[in-house]
Amino acid sequence: MEKLKIVETASYIPPKTVTNDDLSQLMETSDEWITARTGIKERHISLGENTSDLCTKVASQLLQQSSWPVETLDLIIVATMSPDSFTPATAAIVQGNIGAVNAVSFDVSAACSGFVYGLDVVSKFMTGRQGMRAMLIGGEVLSKVVDWTERGTAVLFGDGAAGVLLENNSADSYLLASVLKTYGDQHEKLTAGQTQPLTEFPPQTSTVIHPFTMNGQAVYKFATHAVPETIIAACQQAGVTVDQIDHFVLHQANARIVKAIAKRMKQPLEKFPLNIAKYGNTSGASEPILLDELVKNGQIKRGQLLVLSGFGGGLTVGTQIIKY
């Protein structure tokens, strides 16, 4: 049980909104079709800002809210599947942008589970390091890896970033349990940004990066079974019951998935907040965006028990129980 206090939360959403009606001008779809199948009404798209730009704005907000001197940051992790580049890491760019000269910085790539995986990495870094300070951000510009003519994926994804500041000196906030699982034998069910090896030398074309592909039915089945299993395992690890959880902050992949998980867990849907209608699927940014909204509007209060759960590409799932 690690004493990791979430000190602050923050988020940044690009201003450009793309509605379902906007998408119906690009492809054969409709607001009714998208809403019925996903719960999404609109999403935000980044124009002229890359992933590091969104994450830098979140980082600046977090520092301003906390009044922490930037040089006191020890660690910066960015969870993303849409980095600015293969190298440098997006976290390194953020570190340079905010001047966090003492912060070790790197990315975590676990798609929609990235933020939860990143929180586990932070906890391991902080073990035995009293007073350590860390910044964890989930940030995505998925619009750059979407095929905007492909209805099956284009309607799903949006851009955004959000994050938290964490400190290892609290006596009243804890990471109670962490359950991470990877199902690499199903890796082909959800892919994006794939590259191909050379087939000839000298090469005739530059590297090609492929857009999203997804087996929606397979991902739905995976999520509705694997997420409840990890929630139950995390509750057992933490020594709490599912009924004691105050809020289930789940990855916003599809409203139908979240509702199916709530039903499978035999928990009221009111404990499973949704914001997918406004933002779509923002992958690694999804859970922290929702967490920030719930903290800012007062729905999440100190001392409450939270489940954070991400699931997606890999295939991966990660669930944690936090006493906020």
C-alpha atoms as a PDB file:
ATOM      1  CA  MET A   1       0.000   0.000   0.000  1.00  0.00           C
ATOM      2  CA  GLU A   2       1.760   3.100  -1.278  1.00  0.00           C
ATOM      3  CA  LYS A   3       1.064   6.541   0.233  1.00  0.00           C
ATOM      4  CA  LEU A   4       0.607   8.367  -3.052  1.00  0.00           C
ATOM      5  CA  LYS A   5      -1.516  11.458  -2.754  1.00  0.00           C
ATOM      6  CA  ILE A   6      -3.142  12.903  -5.855  1.00  0.00           C
ATOM      7  CA  VAL A   7      -2.410  16.546  -5.089  1.00  0.00           C
ATOM      8  CA  GLU A   8      -3.940  18.193  -8.182  1.00  0.00           C
ATOM      9  CA  THR A   9      -5.775  17.278 -11.373  1.00  0.00           C
ATOM     10  CA  ALA A  10      -5.956  19.263 -14.626  1.00  0.00           C
ATOM     11  CA  SER A  11      -7.017  18.851 -18.245  1.00  0.00           C
ATOM     12  CA  TYR A  12      -6.834  20.562 -21.615  1.00  0.00           C
ATOM     13  CA  ILE A  13      -9.275  19.993 -24.470  1.00  0.00           C
ATOM     14  CA  PRO A  14      -8.579  21.455 -27.928  1.00  0.00           C
ATOM     15  CA  PRO A  15     -11.200  24.061 -28.874  1.00  0.00           C
ATOM     16  CA  LYS A  16     -12.183  22.606 -32.269  1.00  0.00           C
ATOM     17  CA  THR A  17     -15.388  20.566 -31.934  1.00  0.00           C
ATOM     18  CA  VAL A  18     -16.443  18.027 -34.556  1.00  0.00           C
ATOM     19  CA  THR A  19     -20.045  16.879 -34.198  1.00  0.00           C
ATOM     20  CA  ASN A  20     -21.647  13.738 -35.548  1.00  0.00           C
ATOM     21  CA  ASP A  21     -23.429  15.893 -38.100  1.00  0.00           C
ATOM     22  CA  ASP A  22     -20.045  17.214 -39.234  1.00  0.00           C
ATOM     23  CA  LEU A  23     -18.863  13.647 -39.819  1.00  0.00           C
ATOM     24  CA  SER A  24     -21.992  12.862 -41.817  1.00  0.00           C
ATOM     25  CA  GLN A  25     -20.670  15.338 -44.399  1.00  0.00           C
ATOM     26  CA  LEU A  26     -17.498  13.239 -44.788  1.00  0.00           C
ATOM     27  CA  MET A  27     -18.911   9.712 -44.825  1.00  0.00           C
ATOM     28  CA  GLU A  28     -22.129   7.742 -44.834  1.00  0.00           C
ATOM     29  CA  THR A  29     -23.225   8.048 -41.222  1.00  0.00           C
ATOM     30  CA  SER A  30     -25.585  10.039 -39.014  1.00  0.00           C
ATOM     31  CA  ASP A  31     -25.888  11.431 -35.528  1.00  0.00           C
ATOM     32  CA  GLU A  32     -28.510   8.782 -34.740  1.00  0.00           C
ATOM     33  CA  TRP A  33     -26.272   5.920 -35.969  1.00  0.00           C
ATOM     34  CA  ILE A  34     -23.202   7.070 -34.001  1.00  0.00           C
ATOM     35  CA  THR A  35     -25.064   7.938 -30.800  1.00  0.00           C
ATOM     36  CA  ALA A  36     -26.976   4.654 -30.695  1.00  0.00           C
ATOM     37  CA  ARG A  37     -23.831   2.548 -31.084  1.00  0.00           C
ATOM     38  CA  THR A  38     -21.308   4.540 -29.059  1.00  0.00           C
ATOM     39  CA  GLY A  39     -22.941   7.244 -26.957  1.00  0.00           C
ATOM     40  CA  ILE A  40     -20.729   9.840 -28.667  1.00  0.00           C
ATOM     41  CA  LYS A  41     -22.243  13.152 -29.786  1.00  0.00           C
ATOM     42  CA  GLU A  42     -19.062  15.110 -30.527  1.00  0.00           C
ATOM     43  CA  ARG A  43     -15.301  15.042 -30.138  1.00  0.00           C
ATOM     44  CA  HIS A  44     -12.516  17.640 -30.033  1.00  0.00           C
ATOM     45  CA  ILE A  45      -9.793  17.778 -32.670  1.00  0.00           C
ATOM     46  CA  SER A  46      -6.385  19.405 -32.314  1.00  0.00           C
ATOM     47  CA  LEU A  47      -5.483  21.840 -35.068  1.00  0.00           C
ATOM     48  CA  GLY A  48      -1.845  22.930 -35.097  1.00  0.00           C
ATOM     49  CA  GLU A  49      -1.047  21.434 -31.673  1.00  0.00           C
ATOM     50  CA  ASN A  50       0.762  18.149 -31.222  1.00  0.00           C
ATOM     51  CA  THR A  51       0.592  15.786 -28.257  1.00  0.00           C
ATOM     52  CA  SER A  52       3.411  17.523 -26.380  1.00  0.00           C
ATOM     53  CA  ASP A  53       1.621  20.875 -26.766  1.00  0.00           C
ATOM     54  CA  LEU A  54      -1.534  19.534 -25.144  1.00  0.00           C
ATOM     55  CA  CYS A  55       0.476  17.868 -22.374  1.00  0.00           C
ATOM     56  CA  THR A  56       2.534  21.011 -21.750  1.00  0.00           C
ATOM     57  CA  LYS A  57      -0.662  23.000 -21.160  1.00  0.00           C
ATOM     58  CA  VAL A  58      -1.795  20.402 -18.623  1.00  0.00           C
ATOM     59  CA  ALA A  59       1.622  20.462 -16.936  1.00  0.00           C
ATOM     60  CA  SER A  60       1.539  24.251 -16.633  1.00  0.00           C
ATOM     61  CA  GLN A  61      -1.951  24.125 -15.119  1.00  0.00           C
ATOM     62  CA  LEU A  62      -0.887  21.514 -12.577  1.00  0.00           C
ATOM     63  CA  LEU A  63       2.097  23.569 -11.453  1.00  0.00           C
ATOM     64  CA  GLN A  64       0.037  26.746 -11.237  1.00  0.00           C
ATOM     65  CA  GLN A  65      -2.686  25.056  -9.185  1.00  0.00           C
ATOM     66  CA  SER A  66      -0.199  23.482  -6.775  1.00  0.00           C
ATOM     67  CA  SER A  67       2.281  26.369  -6.512  1.00  0.00           C
ATOM     68  CA  TRP A  68       5.058  23.761  -6.649  1.00  0.00           C
ATOM     69  CA  PRO A  69       8.395  25.163  -7.831  1.00  0.00           C
ATOM     70  CA  VAL A  70       9.057  23.364 -11.126  1.00  0.00           C
ATOM     71  CA  GLU A  71      12.532  22.292  -9.987  1.00  0.00           C
ATOM     72  CA  THR A  72      10.947  20.161  -7.218  1.00  0.00           C
ATOM     73  CA  LEU A  73       9.486  17.738  -9.767  1.00  0.00           C
ATOM     74  CA  ASP A  74      11.353  14.422  -9.679  1.00  0.00           C
ATOM     75  CA  LEU A  75       9.486  12.487 -12.377  1.00  0.00           C
ATOM     76  CA  ILE A  76       7.360  13.186 -15.463  1.00  0.00           C
ATOM     77  CA  ILE A  77       5.590  10.368 -17.289  1.00  0.00           C
ATOM     78  CA  VAL A  78       3.366  10.833 -20.328  1.00  0.00           C
ATOM     79  CA  ALA A  79       1.025   7.988 -21.251  1.00  0.00           C
ATOM     80  CA  THR A  80       0.348   8.160 -24.985  1.00  0.00           C
ATOM     81  CA  MET A  81      -0.119   6.073 -28.114  1.00  0.00           C
ATOM     82  CA  SER A  82       0.163   9.155 -30.342  1.00  0.00           C
ATOM     83  CA  PRO A  83       3.544  10.710 -29.474  1.00  0.00           C
ATOM     84  CA  ASP A  84       5.054  13.603 -31.397  1.00  0.00           C
ATOM     85  CA  SER A  85       7.746  11.251 -32.690  1.00  0.00           C
ATOM     86  CA  PHE A  86       9.424   7.900 -32.083  1.00  0.00           C
ATOM     87  CA  THR A  87      12.093   9.874 -30.226  1.00  0.00           C
ATOM     88  CA  PRO A  88      12.401  12.055 -28.219  1.00  0.00           C
ATOM     89  CA  ALA A  89       9.756  10.971 -25.758  1.00  0.00           C
ATOM     90  CA  THR A  90       6.801  13.314 -25.439  1.00  0.00           C
ATOM     91  CA  ALA A  91       7.553  13.533 -21.707  1.00  0.00           C
ATOM     92  CA  ALA A  92      11.057  14.795 -22.484  1.00  0.00           C
ATOM     93  CA  ILE A  93       9.597  17.571 -24.647  1.00  0.00           C
ATOM     94  CA  VAL A  94       7.198  18.524 -21.846  1.00  0.00           C
ATOM     95  CA  GLN A  95      10.063  18.519 -19.338  1.00  0.00           C
ATOM     96  CA  GLY A  96      12.005  20.911 -21.542  1.00  0.00           C
ATOM     97  CA  ASN A  97       8.991  23.129 -22.199  1.00  0.00           C
ATOM     98  CA  ILE A  98       8.279  23.701 -18.504  1.00  0.00           C
ATOM     99  CA  GLY A  99      11.906  23.748 -17.360  1.00  0.00           C
ATOM    100  CA  ALA A 100      11.665  20.770 -14.987  1.00  0.00           C
ATOM    101  CA  VAL A 101      15.426  20.268 -15.002  1.00  0.00           C
ATOM    102  CA  ASN A 102      15.452  17.716 -12.153  1.00  0.00           C
ATOM    103  CA  ALA A 103      12.690  15.451 -13.486  1.00  0.00           C
ATOM    104  CA  VAL A 104      13.435  12.078 -15.037  1.00  0.00           C
ATOM    105  CA  SER A 105      11.063  11.921 -18.008  1.00  0.00           C
ATOM    106  CA  PHE A 106       9.798   9.176 -20.297  1.00  0.00           C
ATOM    107  CA  ASP A 107       6.672   7.839 -21.991  1.00  0.00           C
ATOM    108  CA  VAL A 108       4.498   4.815 -21.273  1.00  0.00           C
ATOM    109  CA  SER A 109       2.830   3.141 -24.253  1.00  0.00           C
ATOM    110  CA  ALA A 110      -0.143   0.978 -23.300  1.00  0.00           C
ATOM    111  CA  ALA A 111      -2.854   2.624 -25.409  1.00  0.00           C
ATOM    112  CA  CYS A 112      -6.114   3.114 -23.519  1.00  0.00           C
ATOM    113  CA  SER A 113      -4.639   1.500 -20.391  1.00  0.00           C
ATOM    114  CA  GLY A 114      -1.657   3.870 -20.468  1.00  0.00           C
ATOM    115  CA  PHE A 115      -2.666   6.195 -17.649  1.00  0.00           C
ATOM    116  CA  VAL A 116      -3.355   3.314 -15.248  1.00  0.00           C
ATOM    117  CA  TYR A 117      -0.114   1.584 -16.248  1.00  0.00           C
ATOM    118  CA  GLY A 118       1.684   4.899 -15.738  1.00  0.00           C
ATOM    119  CA  LEU A 119       0.262   5.272 -12.250  1.00  0.00           C
ATOM    120  CA  ASP A 120       1.622   1.847 -11.383  1.00  0.00           C
ATOM    121  CA  VAL A 121       5.065   2.875 -12.688  1.00  0.00           C
ATOM    122  CA  VAL A 122       4.940   6.057 -10.582  1.00  0.00           C
ATOM    123  CA  SER A 123       4.107   4.014  -7.486  1.00  0.00           C
ATOM    124  CA  LYS A 124       7.111   1.766  -8.072  1.00  0.00           C
ATOM    125  CA  PHE A 125       9.389   4.789  -8.519  1.00  0.00           C
ATOM    126  CA  MET A 126       8.099   6.328  -5.300  1.00  0.00           C
ATOM    127  CA  THR A 127       8.488   3.234  -3.131  1.00  0.00           C
ATOM    128  CA  GLY A 128      10.731   4.144  -0.229  1.00  0.00           C
ATOM    129  CA  ARG A 129      11.275   7.694  -1.517  1.00  0.00           C
ATOM    130  CA  GLN A 130       9.562   9.944   1.008  1.00  0.00           C
ATOM    131  CA  GLY A 131       8.643  13.342  -0.389  1.00  0.00           C
ATOM    132  CA  MET A 132       9.097  12.386  -4.041  1.00  0.00           C
ATOM    133  CA  ARG A 133       7.014  14.428  -6.482  1.00  0.00           C
ATOM    134  CA  ALA A 134       5.726  13.181  -9.825  1.00  0.00           C
ATOM    135  CA  MET A 135       3.602  14.350 -12.736  1.00  0.00           C
ATOM    136  CA  LEU A 136       1.603  11.831 -14.756  1.00  0.00           C
ATOM    137  CA  ILE A 137      -0.181  12.976 -17.915  1.00  0.00           C
ATOM    138  CA  GLY A 138      -2.300  11.075 -20.397  1.00  0.00           C
ATOM    139  CA  GLY A 139      -2.257  12.881 -23.724  1.00  0.00           C
ATOM    140  CA  GLU A 140      -3.444  11.993 -27.205  1.00  0.00           C
ATOM    141  CA  VAL A 141      -3.785  13.539 -30.641  1.00  0.00           C
ATOM    142  CA  LEU A 142      -5.517  10.554 -32.198  1.00  0.00           C
ATOM    143  CA  SER A 143      -6.842  12.631 -35.087  1.00  0.00           C
ATOM    144  CA  LYS A 144      -3.452  12.252 -36.796  1.00  0.00           C
ATOM    145  CA  VAL A 145      -3.732   8.436 -36.889  1.00  0.00           C
ATOM    146  CA  VAL A 146      -7.403   8.218 -37.897  1.00  0.00           C
ATOM    147  CA  ASP A 147      -8.571   7.468 -41.433  1.00  0.00           C
ATOM    148  CA  TRP A 148     -11.262  10.138 -41.741  1.00  0.00           C
ATOM    149  CA  THR A 149     -13.065   8.169 -44.445  1.00  0.00           C
ATOM    150  CA  GLU A 150     -13.405   4.966 -42.385  1.00  0.00           C
ATOM    151  CA  ARG A 151     -16.711   5.016 -40.508  1.00  0.00           C
ATOM    152  CA  GLY A 152     -15.873   2.147 -38.172  1.00  0.00           C
ATOM    153  CA  THR A 153     -13.068   4.075 -36.460  1.00  0.00           C
ATOM    154  CA  ALA A 154     -13.304   7.751 -37.464  1.00  0.00           C
ATOM    155  CA  VAL A 155     -16.454   8.319 -35.430  1.00  0.00           C
ATOM    156  CA  LEU A 156     -14.883   7.013 -32.221  1.00  0.00           C
ATOM    157  CA  PHE A 157     -11.787   9.021 -31.401  1.00  0.00           C
ATOM    158  CA  GLY A 158     -10.957  12.492 -30.110  1.00  0.00           C
ATOM    159  CA  ASP A 159      -8.013  14.512 -28.828  1.00  0.00           C
ATOM    160  CA  GLY A 160      -7.220  15.768 -25.343  1.00  0.00           C
ATOM    161  CA  ALA A 161      -4.890  15.608 -22.369  1.00  0.00           C
ATOM    162  CA  ALA A 162      -5.180  15.475 -18.598  1.00  0.00           C
ATOM    163  CA  GLY A 163      -3.000  14.611 -15.666  1.00  0.00           C
ATOM    164  CA  VAL A 164      -2.234  14.555 -11.985  1.00  0.00           C
ATOM    165  CA  LEU A 165       0.451  15.623  -9.549  1.00  0.00           C
ATOM    166  CA  LEU A 166       1.412  12.951  -7.032  1.00  0.00           C
ATOM    167  CA  GLU A 167       3.438  13.161  -3.833  1.00  0.00           C
ATOM    168  CA  ASN A 168       4.703  10.441  -1.525  1.00  0.00           C
ATOM    169  CA  ASN A 169       4.174  12.065   1.849  1.00  0.00           C
ATOM    170  CA  SER A 170       0.513  11.631   2.625  1.00  0.00           C
ATOM    171  CA  ALA A 171      -0.992   9.711   5.493  1.00  0.00           C
ATOM    172  CA  ASP A 172      -4.540   9.707   4.116  1.00  0.00           C
ATOM    173  CA  SER A 173      -4.363   8.905   0.385  1.00  0.00           C
ATOM    174  CA  TYR A 174      -3.330   5.531  -0.900  1.00  0.00           C
ATOM    175  CA  LEU A 175      -2.936   3.311  -3.918  1.00  0.00           C
ATOM    176  CA  LEU A 176      -4.637   0.276  -2.415  1.00  0.00           C
ATOM    177  CA  ALA A 177      -4.395  -2.193  -5.296  1.00  0.00           C
ATOM    178  CA  SER A 178      -3.126  -2.503  -8.851  1.00  0.00           C
ATOM    179  CA  VAL A 179      -3.963  -5.266 -11.331  1.00  0.00           C
ATOM    180  CA  LEU A 180      -2.430  -5.071 -14.817  1.00  0.00           C
ATOM    181  CA  LYS A 181      -2.910  -7.684 -17.555  1.00  0.00           C
ATOM    182  CA  THR A 182      -1.778  -7.991 -21.163  1.00  0.00           C
ATOM    183  CA  TYR A 183      -3.303 -10.248 -23.822  1.00  0.00           C
ATOM    184  CA  GLY A 184      -0.715 -10.053 -26.571  1.00  0.00           C
ATOM    185  CA  ASP A 185      -2.199 -13.001 -28.439  1.00  0.00           C
ATOM    186  CA  GLN A 186      -5.016 -10.603 -29.392  1.00  0.00           C
ATOM    187  CA  HIS A 187      -2.764  -7.743 -30.467  1.00  0.00           C
ATOM    188  CA  GLU A 188      -4.250  -7.568 -33.965  1.00  0.00           C
ATOM    189  CA  LYS A 189      -7.732  -6.714 -32.646  1.00  0.00           C
ATOM    190  CA  LEU A 190      -6.831  -3.018 -32.292  1.00  0.00           C
ATOM    191  CA  THR A 191      -3.895  -1.384 -34.062  1.00  0.00           C
ATOM    192  CA  ALA A 192      -2.741   2.087 -35.075  1.00  0.00           C
ATOM    193  CA  GLY A 193       0.486   3.616 -36.328  1.00  0.00           C
ATOM    194  CA  GLN A 194       1.871   0.366 -37.679  1.00  0.00           C
ATOM    195  CA  THR A 195       5.065   0.593 -39.712  1.00  0.00           C
ATOM    196  CA  GLN A 196       6.477  -1.881 -42.204  1.00  0.00           C
ATOM    197  CA  PRO A 197      10.044  -3.177 -42.601  1.00  0.00           C
ATOM    198  CA  LEU A 198      11.913  -2.549 -45.844  1.00  0.00           C
ATOM    199  CA  THR A 199      11.221  -4.920 -48.710  1.00  0.00           C
ATOM    200  CA  GLU A 200      14.043  -3.633 -50.894  1.00  0.00           C
ATOM    201  CA  PHE A 201      17.213  -1.615 -50.717  1.00  0.00           C
ATOM    202  CA  PRO A 202      17.657   1.134 -51.496  1.00  0.00           C
ATOM    203  CA  PRO A 203      14.081   1.931 -50.380  1.00  0.00           C
ATOM    204  CA  GLN A 204      11.796   3.635 -52.866  1.00  0.00           C
ATOM    205  CA  THR A 205       9.448   5.243 -50.326  1.00  0.00           C
ATOM    206  CA  SER A 206       9.702   6.668 -46.827  1.00  0.00           C
ATOM    207  CA  THR A 207       8.200   4.994 -43.762  1.00  0.00           C
ATOM    208  CA  VAL A 208       4.418   4.623 -43.941  1.00  0.00           C
ATOM    209  CA  ILE A 209       2.385   4.845 -40.727  1.00  0.00           C
ATOM    210  CA  HIS A 210      -0.985   3.098 -40.920  1.00  0.00           C
ATOM    211  CA  PRO A 211      -4.207   4.439 -39.350  1.00  0.00           C
ATOM    212  CA  PHE A 212      -6.521   2.723 -36.857  1.00  0.00           C
ATOM    213  CA  THR A 213      -7.932  -0.719 -37.481  1.00  0.00           C
ATOM    214  CA  MET A 214     -10.220  -2.380 -34.972  1.00  0.00           C
ATOM    215  CA  ASN A 215     -12.333  -5.487 -34.543  1.00  0.00           C
ATOM    216  CA  GLY A 216     -15.127  -3.801 -32.624  1.00  0.00           C
ATOM    217  CA  GLN A 217     -16.982  -6.959 -31.614  1.00  0.00           C
ATOM    218  CA  ALA A 218     -13.829  -8.604 -30.287  1.00  0.00           C
ATOM    219  CA  VAL A 219     -12.820  -5.511 -28.293  1.00  0.00           C
ATOM    220  CA  TYR A 220     -16.339  -5.220 -26.851  1.00  0.00           C
ATOM    221  CA  LYS A 221     -16.301  -8.857 -25.707  1.00  0.00           C
ATOM    222  CA  PHE A 222     -12.806  -8.459 -24.272  1.00  0.00           C
ATOM    223  CA  ALA A 223     -13.641  -5.295 -22.324  1.00  0.00           C
ATOM    224  CA  THR A 224     -16.921  -6.506 -20.857  1.00  0.00           C
ATOM    225  CA  HIS A 225     -15.242  -9.631 -19.483  1.00  0.00           C
ATOM    226  CA  ALA A 226     -11.666  -8.570 -18.628  1.00  0.00           C
ATOM    227  CA  VAL A 227     -12.526  -5.305 -16.849  1.00  0.00           C
ATOM    228  CA  PRO A 228     -14.941  -6.858 -14.305  1.00  0.00           C
ATOM    229  CA  GLU A 229     -12.410  -9.634 -13.658  1.00  0.00           C
ATOM    230  CA  THR A 230      -9.656  -7.152 -12.828  1.00  0.00           C
ATOM    231  CA  ILE A 231     -11.994  -5.018 -10.712  1.00  0.00           C
ATOM    232  CA  ILE A 232     -12.901  -8.060  -8.611  1.00  0.00           C
ATOM    233  CA  ALA A 233      -9.218  -9.044  -8.328  1.00  0.00           C
ATOM    234  CA  ALA A 234      -8.255  -5.488  -7.296  1.00  0.00           C
ATOM    235  CA  CYS A 235     -10.994  -5.372  -4.659  1.00  0.00           C
ATOM    236  CA  GLN A 236      -9.760  -8.658  -3.213  1.00  0.00           C
ATOM    237  CA  GLN A 237      -6.201  -7.321  -3.194  1.00  0.00           C
ATOM    238  CA  ALA A 238      -7.334  -4.132  -1.429  1.00  0.00           C
ATOM    239  CA  GLY A 239      -9.546  -5.944   1.073  1.00  0.00           C
ATOM    240  CA  VAL A 240     -12.702  -4.062   0.055  1.00  0.00           C
ATOM    241  CA  THR A 241     -15.988  -5.077  -1.538  1.00  0.00           C
ATOM    242  CA  VAL A 242     -17.283  -3.820  -4.866  1.00  0.00           C
ATOM    243  CA  ASP A 243     -20.189  -2.214  -3.006  1.00  0.00           C
ATOM    244  CA  GLN A 244     -17.736  -0.044  -1.049  1.00  0.00           C
ATOM    245  CA  ILE A 245     -16.419   1.644  -4.211  1.00  0.00           C
ATOM    246  CA  ASP A 246     -17.768   5.190  -4.525  1.00  0.00           C
ATOM    247  CA  HIS A 247     -16.916   5.845  -8.191  1.00  0.00           C
ATOM    248  CA  PHE A 248     -15.806   3.659 -11.099  1.00  0.00           C
ATOM    249  CA  VAL A 249     -13.708   5.942 -13.328  1.00  0.00           C
ATOM    250  CA  LEU A 250     -13.533   3.809 -16.451  1.00  0.00           C
ATOM    251  CA  HIS A 251     -11.941   4.401 -19.838  1.00  0.00           C
ATOM    252  CA  GLN A 252     -14.512   6.080 -22.065  1.00  0.00           C
ATOM    253  CA  ALA A 253     -14.374   3.788 -25.081  1.00  0.00           C
ATOM    254  CA  ASN A 254     -18.072   3.249 -25.647  1.00  0.00           C
ATOM    255  CA  ALA A 255     -21.085   4.024 -23.462  1.00  0.00           C
ATOM    256  CA  ARG A 256     -22.483   0.542 -24.136  1.00  0.00           C
ATOM    257  CA  ILE A 257     -19.290  -1.057 -22.789  1.00  0.00           C
ATOM    258  CA  VAL A 258     -19.427   0.958 -19.554  1.00  0.00           C
ATOM    259  CA  LYS A 259     -23.118   0.143 -19.058  1.00  0.00           C
ATOM    260  CA  ALA A 260     -22.472  -3.553 -19.690  1.00  0.00           C
ATOM    261  CA  ILE A 261     -19.661  -3.563 -17.112  1.00  0.00           C
ATOM    262  CA  ALA A 262     -21.904  -1.878 -14.531  1.00  0.00           C
ATOM    263  CA  LYS A 263     -24.589  -4.507 -15.158  1.00  0.00           C
ATOM    264  CA  ARG A 264     -22.088  -7.360 -14.906  1.00  0.00           C
ATOM    265  CA  MET A 265     -20.765  -5.928 -11.622  1.00  0.00           C
ATOM    266  CA  LYS A 266     -24.356  -5.533 -10.329  1.00  0.00           C
ATOM    267  CA  GLN A 267     -23.639  -1.914  -9.459  1.00  0.00           C
ATOM    268  CA  PRO A 268     -25.816   1.160 -10.072  1.00  0.00           C
ATOM    269  CA  LEU A 269     -24.972   3.027 -13.255  1.00  0.00           C
ATOM    270  CA  GLU A 270     -24.781   6.238 -11.189  1.00  0.00           C
ATOM    271  CA  LYS A 271     -21.416   4.993  -9.880  1.00  0.00           C
ATOM    272  CA  PHE A 272     -20.078   4.817 -13.458  1.00  0.00           C
ATOM    273  CA  PRO A 273     -19.825   8.437 -14.662  1.00  0.00           C
ATOM    274  CA  LEU A 274     -19.796   9.053 -18.423  1.00  0.00           C
ATOM    275  CA  ASN A 275     -18.424  11.950 -20.467  1.00  0.00           C
ATOM    276  CA  ILE A 276     -17.893  10.147 -23.769  1.00  0.00           C
ATOM    277  CA  ALA A 277     -20.724  12.127 -25.390  1.00  0.00           C
ATOM    278  CA  LYS A 278     -18.535  15.269 -25.293  1.00  0.00           C
ATOM    279  CA  TYR A 279     -15.083  13.887 -26.042  1.00  0.00           C
ATOM    280  CA  GLY A 280     -15.281  10.472 -27.717  1.00  0.00           C
ATOM    281  CA  ASN A 281     -12.537   7.954 -27.033  1.00  0.00           C
ATOM    282  CA  THR A 282      -9.367   9.833 -26.042  1.00  0.00           C
ATOM    283  CA  SER A 283      -7.382   6.675 -25.224  1.00  0.00           C
ATOM    284  CA  GLY A 284      -4.697   7.384 -22.568  1.00  0.00           C
ATOM    285  CA  ALA A 285      -6.271  10.769 -21.777  1.00  0.00           C
ATOM    286  CA  SER A 286      -9.697   9.311 -21.127  1.00  0.00           C
ATOM    287  CA  GLU A 287      -9.551   8.408 -17.431  1.00  0.00           C
ATOM    288  CA  PRO A 288      -7.672  11.528 -16.271  1.00  0.00           C
ATOM    289  CA  ILE A 289     -10.039  13.834 -18.214  1.00  0.00           C
ATOM    290  CA  LEU A 290     -12.993  12.210 -16.464  1.00  0.00           C
ATOM    291  CA  LEU A 291     -11.172  12.239 -13.115  1.00  0.00           C
ATOM    292  CA  ASP A 292     -10.441  15.959 -13.441  1.00  0.00           C
ATOM    293  CA  GLU A 293     -14.072  16.726 -14.271  1.00  0.00           C
ATOM    294  CA  LEU A 294     -15.335  14.752 -11.285  1.00  0.00           C
ATOM    295  CA  VAL A 295     -12.862  16.407  -8.907  1.00  0.00           C
ATOM    296  CA  LYS A 296     -13.562  19.904 -10.226  1.00  0.00           C
ATOM    297  CA  ASN A 297     -17.347  19.556  -9.975  1.00  0.00           C
ATOM    298  CA  GLY A 298     -17.164  18.092  -6.467  1.00  0.00           C
ATOM    299  CA  GLN A 299     -18.448  14.599  -7.273  1.00  0.00           C
ATOM    300  CA  ILE A 300     -15.193  13.051  -6.055  1.00  0.00           C
ATOM    301  CA  LYS A 301     -14.258  13.965  -2.507  1.00  0.00           C
ATOM    302  CA  ARG A 302     -11.292  13.234  -0.267  1.00  0.00           C
ATOM    303  CA  GLY A 303     -11.493   9.871   1.437  1.00  0.00           C
ATOM    304  CA  GLN A 304     -13.634   8.219  -1.210  1.00  0.00           C
ATOM    305  CA  LEU A 305     -12.702   4.911  -2.834  1.00  0.00           C
ATOM    306  CA  LEU A 306     -12.154   5.044  -6.585  1.00  0.00           C
ATOM    307  CA  VAL A 307     -11.659   2.401  -9.234  1.00  0.00           C
ATOM    308  CA  LEU A 308      -9.573   3.559 -12.188  1.00  0.00           C
ATOM    309  CA  SER A 309      -9.700   1.167 -15.115  1.00  0.00           C
ATOM    310  CA  GLY A 310      -8.314   1.373 -18.630  1.00  0.00           C
ATOM    311  CA  PHE A 311      -8.601  -1.169 -21.424  1.00  0.00           C
ATOM    312  CA  GLY A 312      -7.721  -1.343 -25.096  1.00  0.00           C
ATOM    313  CA  GLY A 313      -4.850  -1.869 -27.505  1.00  0.00           C
ATOM    314  CA  GLY A 314      -2.368  -4.599 -26.658  1.00  0.00           C
ATOM    315  CA  LEU A 315      -4.811  -5.927 -25.745  1.00  0.00           C
ATOM    316  CA  THR A 316      -4.370  -4.528 -22.252  1.00  0.00           C
ATOM    317  CA  VAL A 317      -6.373  -3.862 -19.137  1.00  0.00           C
ATOM    318  CA  GLY A 318      -5.331  -2.121 -15.936  1.00  0.00           C
ATOM    319  CA  THR A 319      -7.374  -1.519 -12.794  1.00  0.00           C
ATOM    320  CA  GLN A 320      -6.420   0.301  -9.621  1.00  0.00           C
ATOM    321  CA  ILE A 321      -8.183   1.121  -6.386  1.00  0.00           C
ATOM    322  CA  ILE A 322      -7.328   4.461  -4.835  1.00  0.00           C
ATOM    323  CA  LYS A 323      -8.367   6.087  -1.615  1.00  0.00           C
ATOM    324  CA  TYR A 324      -8.598   9.626  -2.877  1.00  0.00           C
END
